[in-house]
Amino acid sequence: MPILFIGIDPDTGNDDSPTVWVDQERKELVFQGWKPDPELAAECAAFEVPGHAKGIPGHEAVIRVPARMVDMIRKACDAVECPTVR
């Protein structure tokens, strides 16, 4: 099943396009966002909580998504939990 497009940043320009999709088969949210500045990436990598290794594994990434996309993210959560909701 192809991924379901949910939405794109309403303030997107020619070079910026944070986007939200849902992979309904895998039950996953898929995000495209901005790379964080090096200081934020380092802060995320240094963060420790119980059960979470320090650092960001090579197969994972930190991205930034604007808060104005919260409604799209909620819609994506609904779509992944209840595939008939769109």
N, C-alpha and C. Protein backbone atom coordinates (compact mmCIF):
# COMPACT_ATOMS: atom_id res chain seq x y z
N MET A 1 0.85 -1.17 0.00
CA MET A 1 0.00 0.00 0.00
C MET A 1 0.90 1.24 0.00
N PRO A 2 0.63 2.20 -0.87
CA PRO A 2 1.45 3.41 -0.87
C PRO A 2 1.18 4.24 0.38
N ILE A 3 2.12 5.12 0.66
CA ILE A 3 1.91 5.98 1.82
C ILE A 3 0.82 7.00 1.51
N LEU A 4 0.17 7.46 2.56
CA LEU A 4 -0.93 8.41 2.46
C LEU A 4 -0.39 9.81 2.74
N PHE A 5 -0.50 10.71 1.78
CA PHE A 5 -0.10 12.10 1.98
C PHE A 5 -1.11 12.77 2.89
N ILE A 6 -0.61 13.42 3.95
CA ILE A 6 -1.49 14.12 4.89
C ILE A 6 -1.46 15.62 4.63
N GLY A 7 -0.27 16.19 4.53
CA GLY A 7 -0.20 17.62 4.31
C GLY A 7 1.22 18.14 4.25
N ILE A 8 1.33 19.38 3.79
CA ILE A 8 2.61 20.06 3.68
C ILE A 8 2.51 21.38 4.42
N ASP A 9 3.60 21.85 4.96
CA ASP A 9 3.65 23.12 5.68
C ASP A 9 2.93 24.19 4.86
N PRO A 10 1.91 24.82 5.42
CA PRO A 10 1.15 25.83 4.65
C PRO A 10 2.00 27.05 4.29
N ASP A 11 3.09 27.26 4.99
CA ASP A 11 3.96 28.40 4.69
C ASP A 11 5.17 27.97 3.87
N THR A 12 5.06 26.83 3.19
CA THR A 12 6.19 26.32 2.44
C THR A 12 6.55 27.26 1.29
N GLY A 13 7.82 27.30 1.02
CA GLY A 13 8.31 28.08 -0.11
C GLY A 13 8.90 27.13 -1.13
N ASN A 14 9.71 27.66 -2.02
CA ASN A 14 10.31 26.82 -3.05
C ASN A 14 11.35 25.87 -2.49
N ASP A 15 11.98 26.23 -1.37
CA ASP A 15 13.06 25.41 -0.83
C ASP A 15 12.68 24.65 0.44
N ASP A 16 11.61 25.02 1.08
CA ASP A 16 11.20 24.39 2.33
C ASP A 16 9.90 23.63 2.10
N SER A 17 9.86 22.41 2.57
CA SER A 17 8.62 21.67 2.38
C SER A 17 8.43 20.60 3.45
N PRO A 18 8.42 20.97 4.74
CA PRO A 18 8.10 19.96 5.76
C PRO A 18 6.76 19.31 5.40
N THR A 19 6.74 17.99 5.45
CA THR A 19 5.60 17.23 4.96
C THR A 19 5.29 16.08 5.92
N VAL A 20 4.02 15.69 5.97
CA VAL A 20 3.57 14.58 6.82
C VAL A 20 2.87 13.54 5.94
N TRP A 21 3.26 12.28 6.14
CA TRP A 21 2.61 11.15 5.48
C TRP A 21 2.29 10.09 6.54
N VAL A 22 1.50 9.10 6.15
CA VAL A 22 1.22 7.94 7.00
C VAL A 22 1.48 6.69 6.16
N ASP A 23 2.24 5.77 6.73
CA ASP A 23 2.41 4.44 6.15
C ASP A 23 1.42 3.56 6.89
N GLN A 24 0.26 3.33 6.28
CA GLN A 24 -0.80 2.60 6.97
C GLN A 24 -0.47 1.12 7.14
N GLU A 25 0.30 0.56 6.24
CA GLU A 25 0.66 -0.84 6.36
C GLU A 25 1.56 -1.08 7.57
N ARG A 26 2.52 -0.20 7.76
CA ARG A 26 3.46 -0.33 8.89
C ARG A 26 2.96 0.36 10.15
N LYS A 27 1.87 1.12 10.02
CA LYS A 27 1.33 1.89 11.15
C LYS A 27 2.38 2.87 11.67
N GLU A 28 2.92 3.69 10.75
CA GLU A 28 3.97 4.65 11.10
C GLU A 28 3.65 6.02 10.52
N LEU A 29 4.04 7.04 11.27
CA LEU A 29 4.01 8.41 10.77
C LEU A 29 5.34 8.65 10.07
N VAL A 30 5.30 9.37 8.95
CA VAL A 30 6.51 9.67 8.20
C VAL A 30 6.59 11.19 8.05
N PHE A 31 7.73 11.74 8.46
CA PHE A 31 7.92 13.19 8.42
C PHE A 31 9.09 13.59 7.55
N GLN A 32 8.93 14.68 6.85
CA GLN A 32 10.05 15.37 6.20
C GLN A 32 10.13 16.70 6.91
N GLY A 33 11.32 17.07 7.34
CA GLY A 33 11.46 18.33 8.05
C GLY A 33 12.84 18.92 7.84
N TRP A 34 13.12 19.97 8.59
CA TRP A 34 14.41 20.63 8.47
C TRP A 34 15.44 19.93 9.34
N LYS A 35 16.67 19.94 8.90
CA LYS A 35 17.76 19.46 9.75
C LYS A 35 17.95 20.48 10.86
N PRO A 36 18.20 20.02 12.08
CA PRO A 36 18.42 20.97 13.16
C PRO A 36 19.80 21.61 13.02
N ASP A 37 19.94 22.78 13.63
CA ASP A 37 21.27 23.39 13.64
C ASP A 37 22.18 22.50 14.49
N PRO A 38 23.49 22.60 14.30
CA PRO A 38 24.41 21.70 15.01
C PRO A 38 24.27 21.71 16.53
N GLU A 39 23.95 22.87 17.11
CA GLU A 39 23.81 22.95 18.56
C GLU A 39 22.61 22.14 19.05
N LEU A 40 21.49 22.23 18.33
CA LEU A 40 20.30 21.47 18.72
C LEU A 40 20.54 19.98 18.53
N ALA A 41 21.17 19.61 17.44
CA ALA A 41 21.47 18.19 17.19
C ALA A 41 22.36 17.64 18.30
N ALA A 42 23.35 18.42 18.73
CA ALA A 42 24.24 17.98 19.80
C ALA A 42 23.48 17.85 21.12
N GLU A 43 22.56 18.78 21.38
CA GLU A 43 21.77 18.72 22.61
C GLU A 43 20.89 17.47 22.60
N CYS A 44 20.28 17.16 21.46
CA CYS A 44 19.45 15.95 21.35
C CYS A 44 20.31 14.70 21.55
N ALA A 45 21.50 14.70 20.98
CA ALA A 45 22.39 13.54 21.08
C ALA A 45 22.87 13.32 22.51
N ALA A 46 22.94 14.39 23.29
CA ALA A 46 23.43 14.30 24.67
C ALA A 46 22.32 13.94 25.65
N PHE A 47 21.08 13.98 25.22
CA PHE A 47 19.93 13.76 26.09
C PHE A 47 19.89 12.31 26.56
N GLU A 48 19.65 12.11 27.84
CA GLU A 48 19.55 10.76 28.39
C GLU A 48 18.27 10.61 29.19
N VAL A 49 17.59 9.51 28.97
CA VAL A 49 16.45 9.12 29.78
C VAL A 49 16.56 7.62 30.02
N PRO A 50 15.96 7.11 31.09
CA PRO A 50 16.04 5.67 31.34
C PRO A 50 15.53 4.86 30.15
N GLY A 51 16.29 3.86 29.77
CA GLY A 51 15.90 2.99 28.67
C GLY A 51 16.24 3.53 27.29
N HIS A 52 16.91 4.66 27.23
CA HIS A 52 17.27 5.26 25.95
C HIS A 52 18.77 5.53 25.96
N ALA A 53 19.46 4.93 25.02
CA ALA A 53 20.91 5.14 24.95
C ALA A 53 21.23 6.58 24.58
N LYS A 54 22.34 7.07 25.08
CA LYS A 54 22.80 8.41 24.75
C LYS A 54 23.24 8.42 23.29
N GLY A 55 22.92 9.48 22.60
CA GLY A 55 23.31 9.61 21.20
C GLY A 55 22.17 9.29 20.26
N ILE A 56 22.41 9.50 18.98
CA ILE A 56 21.42 9.23 17.94
C ILE A 56 22.01 8.16 17.04
N PRO A 57 21.40 6.98 16.99
CA PRO A 57 21.94 5.91 16.16
C PRO A 57 22.01 6.33 14.69
N GLY A 58 22.92 5.74 13.96
CA GLY A 58 23.11 6.08 12.55
C GLY A 58 21.89 5.86 11.68
N HIS A 59 20.98 4.98 12.10
CA HIS A 59 19.79 4.71 11.30
C HIS A 59 18.61 5.61 11.69
N GLU A 60 18.84 6.57 12.60
CA GLU A 60 17.79 7.50 13.01
C GLU A 60 18.24 8.93 12.70
N ALA A 61 17.29 9.86 12.75
CA ALA A 61 17.60 11.26 12.47
C ALA A 61 16.74 12.17 13.34
N VAL A 62 17.24 13.33 13.63
CA VAL A 62 16.48 14.38 14.30
C VAL A 62 16.02 15.34 13.22
N ILE A 63 14.73 15.67 13.21
CA ILE A 63 14.22 16.66 12.27
C ILE A 63 13.42 17.69 13.03
N ARG A 64 13.22 18.84 12.41
CA ARG A 64 12.39 19.89 12.98
C ARG A 64 11.16 20.05 12.10
N VAL A 65 10.00 20.18 12.73
CA VAL A 65 8.74 20.39 12.03
C VAL A 65 8.06 21.58 12.69
N PRO A 66 7.57 22.55 11.92
CA PRO A 66 6.98 23.75 12.53
C PRO A 66 5.69 23.44 13.29
N ALA A 67 5.47 24.15 14.37
CA ALA A 67 4.28 23.96 15.20
C ALA A 67 3.00 24.21 14.42
N ARG A 68 3.07 25.01 13.36
CA ARG A 68 1.86 25.27 12.57
C ARG A 68 1.34 24.01 11.87
N MET A 69 2.11 22.92 11.93
CA MET A 69 1.70 21.67 11.32
C MET A 69 1.05 20.71 12.32
N VAL A 70 0.79 21.15 13.53
CA VAL A 70 0.22 20.29 14.57
C VAL A 70 -1.09 19.66 14.11
N ASP A 71 -1.97 20.41 13.46
CA ASP A 71 -3.24 19.84 13.01
C ASP A 71 -3.01 18.71 12.01
N MET A 72 -2.02 18.86 11.13
CA MET A 72 -1.70 17.79 10.18
C MET A 72 -1.17 16.56 10.90
N ILE A 73 -0.37 16.78 11.92
CA ILE A 73 0.18 15.66 12.68
C ILE A 73 -0.95 14.93 13.42
N ARG A 74 -1.91 15.68 13.95
CA ARG A 74 -3.07 15.04 14.58
C ARG A 74 -3.86 14.22 13.57
N LYS A 75 -4.03 14.77 12.37
CA LYS A 75 -4.74 14.05 11.31
C LYS A 75 -3.97 12.77 10.96
N ALA A 76 -2.64 12.86 10.92
CA ALA A 76 -1.82 11.67 10.62
C ALA A 76 -1.98 10.63 11.73
N CYS A 77 -2.02 11.08 12.98
CA CYS A 77 -2.22 10.14 14.09
C CYS A 77 -3.56 9.44 13.96
N ASP A 78 -4.60 10.17 13.62
CA ASP A 78 -5.91 9.56 13.43
C ASP A 78 -5.87 8.56 12.28
N ALA A 79 -5.21 8.91 11.19
CA ALA A 79 -5.17 8.03 10.02
C ALA A 79 -4.40 6.75 10.29
N VAL A 80 -3.35 6.82 11.10
CA VAL A 80 -2.58 5.62 11.39
C VAL A 80 -3.31 4.71 12.39
N GLU A 81 -4.09 5.32 13.28
CA GLU A 81 -4.83 4.53 14.25
C GLU A 81 -6.15 3.99 13.68
N CYS A 82 -6.72 4.73 12.78
CA CYS A 82 -8.03 4.39 12.23
C CYS A 82 -8.00 4.65 10.73
N PRO A 83 -7.52 3.70 9.92
CA PRO A 83 -7.29 3.93 8.50
C PRO A 83 -8.47 4.46 7.70
N THR A 84 -9.69 4.33 8.19
CA THR A 84 -10.83 4.85 7.45
C THR A 84 -11.02 6.34 7.65
N VAL A 85 -10.32 6.94 8.64
CA VAL A 85 -10.41 8.39 8.90
C VAL A 85 -9.40 9.08 8.00
N ARG A 86 -9.87 10.05 7.24
CA ARG A 86 -8.95 10.81 6.36
C ARG A 86 -9.33 12.24 6.30
